[in-house]
Amino acid sequence: MGEIEQKLIELQNEYAQLALKNWFTSSLFTWDWWFLVLGFIVPWIIFFILLDSKRALQIWCFGLIVMVITSFADDLGSEMGAWVYPIKLVPFGLLAYPFDFTIIPVTFMLIYQYCSKWRTYIIFLFFTAFIFSFIGEPLSVSLGFVTYVKWRYVCSFAFYIVTGLVSRLFIEKISL
């Protein structure tokens, strides 16, 4: 093992120890942390109440695609220093569980479920992207759930639209 690899391992170990210590002292059981817990659980309860059981498999597949895209993009953006999550649901792993695995996919799945026509779907997708990007994200920043370093809300707006369109196109192609 080379010198650089050894140094990376040491830094990763140090980071893991600091992240765990920070999580125990600054995140766990704070009001912000409980808000993240609710943000992770409540949308799923709503989703299960509203889920069309006849189309459940298709809706779930759509949602899984959304989850993969959002979690990959979130991890990539964090690794590249575009944003930081000061308060985390868990100390390690993907950083924004309530957003990547609940709020975004549940909302998109409900839009997908209720908007069978492309025109309606696109209208609701744009409306949702606007709400998430220009209301939800600034609120998350002001509440301290995320700190944007090299990111702009308009990029999120485009990301949500592309994610919704790609996910639906993919499901339609494999459903034929």
Protein backbone atom coordinates (compact mmCIF):
# COMPACT_ATOMS: atom_id res chain seq x y z
CA MET A 1 0.00 0.00 0.00
CA GLY A 2 1.33 3.40 -0.98
CA GLU A 3 1.81 6.44 1.18
CA ILE A 4 -1.21 8.24 -0.27
CA GLU A 5 -3.53 5.26 0.27
CA GLN A 6 -2.29 4.93 3.87
CA LYS A 7 -2.93 8.62 4.51
CA LEU A 8 -6.45 8.32 3.02
CA ILE A 9 -7.24 5.39 5.31
CA GLU A 10 -6.00 7.34 8.34
CA LEU A 11 -8.09 10.38 7.35
CA GLN A 12 -11.18 8.20 6.76
CA ASN A 13 -10.78 6.63 10.20
CA GLU A 14 -10.34 10.04 11.80
CA TYR A 15 -13.38 11.36 9.92
CA ALA A 16 -15.48 8.38 11.05
CA GLN A 17 -14.56 8.98 14.69
CA LEU A 18 -15.28 12.72 14.43
CA ALA A 19 -18.58 12.12 12.60
CA LEU A 20 -19.76 9.69 15.25
CA LYS A 21 -18.74 12.02 18.08
CA ASN A 22 -20.43 14.96 16.35
CA TRP A 23 -23.60 12.95 15.79
CA PHE A 24 -23.83 11.93 19.45
CA THR A 25 -23.12 15.44 20.72
CA SER A 26 -24.84 17.64 18.13
CA SER A 27 -27.56 15.67 16.32
CA LEU A 28 -28.99 12.71 18.18
CA PHE A 29 -32.23 13.48 20.06
CA THR A 30 -32.20 17.22 19.25
CA TRP A 31 -35.38 18.84 17.99
CA ASP A 32 -33.88 18.91 14.50
CA TRP A 33 -33.12 15.20 14.67
CA TRP A 34 -36.69 14.40 15.77
CA PHE A 35 -37.96 16.51 12.87
CA LEU A 36 -35.85 14.35 10.51
CA VAL A 37 -37.28 11.20 12.12
CA LEU A 38 -40.83 12.46 11.50
CA GLY A 39 -39.86 13.51 7.97
CA PHE A 40 -38.68 9.96 7.39
CA ILE A 41 -41.77 8.20 8.81
CA VAL A 42 -44.87 10.37 8.24
CA PRO A 43 -44.72 10.53 4.41
CA TRP A 44 -44.55 6.72 4.25
CA ILE A 45 -47.66 6.44 6.42
CA ILE A 46 -49.49 8.80 4.07
CA PHE A 47 -48.17 6.88 1.06
CA PHE A 48 -49.38 3.50 2.33
CA ILE A 49 -52.82 4.95 3.01
CA LEU A 50 -53.06 6.40 -0.52
CA LEU A 51 -51.26 3.67 -2.50
CA ASP A 52 -53.23 2.17 -5.38
CA SER A 53 -52.70 -1.52 -4.63
CA LYS A 54 -53.57 -2.52 -8.21
CA ARG A 55 -50.57 -0.58 -9.52
CA ALA A 56 -48.33 -1.02 -6.47
CA LEU A 57 -45.51 -2.86 -8.23
CA GLN A 58 -45.25 -0.28 -11.00
CA ILE A 59 -45.43 2.62 -8.53
CA TRP A 60 -42.78 1.01 -6.29
CA CYS A 61 -40.47 0.45 -9.26
CA PHE A 62 -40.88 4.09 -10.23
CA GLY A 63 -40.11 5.15 -6.65
CA LEU A 64 -37.03 2.96 -6.47
CA ILE A 65 -35.66 4.61 -9.60
CA VAL A 66 -36.25 8.02 -8.03
CA MET A 67 -34.50 6.87 -4.83
CA VAL A 68 -31.47 5.58 -6.72
CA ILE A 69 -31.13 8.81 -8.69
CA THR A 70 -31.61 11.14 -5.73
CA SER A 71 -29.38 9.20 -3.33
CA PHE A 72 -26.59 8.89 -5.93
CA ALA A 73 -26.80 12.59 -6.82
CA ASP A 74 -26.95 13.59 -3.15
CA ASP A 75 -23.92 11.48 -2.28
CA LEU A 76 -22.01 12.82 -5.30
CA GLY A 77 -22.86 16.44 -4.50
CA SER A 78 -21.82 15.99 -0.90
CA GLU A 79 -18.55 14.29 -1.87
CA MET A 80 -17.80 17.15 -4.27
CA GLY A 81 -18.43 19.73 -1.54
CA ALA A 82 -21.57 21.26 -3.04
CA TRP A 83 -23.45 20.92 0.26
CA VAL A 84 -23.12 19.69 3.84
CA TYR A 85 -25.67 18.19 6.22
CA PRO A 86 -25.00 19.54 9.74
CA ILE A 87 -27.80 17.46 11.27
CA LYS A 88 -28.02 13.82 10.22
CA LEU A 89 -30.52 11.09 10.94
CA VAL A 90 -27.67 8.57 11.20
CA PRO A 91 -23.96 9.31 11.52
CA PHE A 92 -22.73 7.41 8.46
CA GLY A 93 -23.81 6.42 4.99
CA LEU A 94 -26.03 8.31 2.65
CA LEU A 95 -26.58 11.67 4.17
CA ALA A 96 -30.14 12.78 3.63
CA TYR A 97 -32.34 9.76 4.34
CA PRO A 98 -35.56 11.73 4.95
CA PHE A 99 -35.18 13.59 1.67
CA ASP A 100 -33.63 10.94 -0.61
CA PHE A 101 -35.59 7.95 0.69
CA THR A 102 -38.86 9.50 1.78
CA ILE A 103 -39.96 13.04 0.91
CA ILE A 104 -38.80 13.13 -2.71
CA PRO A 105 -39.71 9.56 -3.77
CA VAL A 106 -43.03 9.49 -1.91
CA THR A 107 -44.09 12.79 -3.47
CA PHE A 108 -42.97 11.66 -6.93
CA MET A 109 -44.72 8.28 -6.52
CA LEU A 110 -47.98 9.99 -5.60
CA ILE A 111 -47.68 12.27 -8.62
CA TYR A 112 -46.97 9.24 -10.78
CA GLN A 113 -49.94 7.38 -9.31
CA TYR A 114 -52.46 10.20 -9.74
CA CYS A 115 -51.23 11.72 -13.01
CA SER A 116 -51.62 9.02 -15.64
CA LYS A 117 -51.51 11.45 -18.57
CA TRP A 118 -48.16 12.99 -19.50
CA ARG A 119 -49.52 16.53 -19.63
CA THR A 120 -50.90 16.38 -16.08
CA TYR A 121 -47.77 14.61 -14.86
CA ILE A 122 -45.50 17.32 -16.28
CA ILE A 123 -47.60 20.10 -14.77
CA PHE A 124 -47.49 18.52 -11.31
CA LEU A 125 -43.81 17.67 -11.73
CA PHE A 126 -42.96 21.31 -12.51
CA PHE A 127 -45.11 22.53 -9.63
CA THR A 128 -43.44 20.07 -7.22
CA ALA A 129 -39.95 20.91 -8.50
CA PHE A 130 -40.72 24.59 -7.92
CA ILE A 131 -42.00 23.98 -4.38
CA PHE A 132 -39.05 21.72 -3.46
CA SER A 133 -36.42 24.00 -5.02
CA PHE A 134 -37.59 27.49 -4.17
CA ILE A 135 -39.53 26.94 -0.94
CA GLY A 136 -38.49 23.63 0.64
CA GLU A 137 -34.74 23.90 0.07
CA PRO A 138 -34.42 27.54 1.22
CA LEU A 139 -36.44 26.57 4.30
CA SER A 140 -34.13 23.60 4.92
CA VAL A 141 -31.12 25.92 4.59
CA SER A 142 -32.59 28.51 6.96
CA LEU A 143 -33.46 25.80 9.52
CA GLY A 144 -29.91 24.43 9.31
CA PHE A 145 -30.70 21.00 7.86
CA VAL A 146 -28.40 21.63 4.91
CA THR A 147 -25.69 24.15 4.07
CA TYR A 148 -25.18 24.93 0.40
CA VAL A 149 -21.57 25.65 -0.45
CA LYS A 150 -21.50 25.40 -4.26
CA TRP A 151 -25.13 24.87 -5.20
CA ARG A 152 -28.01 26.96 -6.49
CA TYR A 153 -31.73 26.35 -6.19
CA VAL A 154 -32.27 26.56 -9.93
CA CYS A 155 -29.99 23.52 -10.32
CA SER A 156 -32.27 21.61 -7.94
CA PHE A 157 -35.27 22.67 -10.00
CA ALA A 158 -33.71 21.18 -13.14
CA PHE A 159 -32.62 18.07 -11.22
CA TYR A 160 -36.13 17.33 -9.95
CA ILE A 161 -37.62 17.72 -13.42
CA VAL A 162 -35.01 15.51 -15.08
CA THR A 163 -35.36 12.90 -12.33
CA GLY A 164 -39.14 12.78 -12.72
CA LEU A 165 -39.00 12.61 -16.51
CA VAL A 166 -36.24 9.98 -16.69
CA SER A 167 -37.94 7.81 -14.06
CA ARG A 168 -41.29 7.86 -15.83
CA LEU A 169 -39.75 7.27 -19.25
CA PHE A 170 -37.82 4.30 -17.89
CA ILE A 171 -40.90 2.74 -16.29
CA GLU A 172 -42.92 3.24 -19.47
CA LYS A 173 -40.21 1.57 -21.57
CA ILE A 174 -39.95 -1.51 -19.34
CA SER A 175 -43.72 -1.76 -18.89
CA LEU A 176 -44.49 -2.27 -22.58
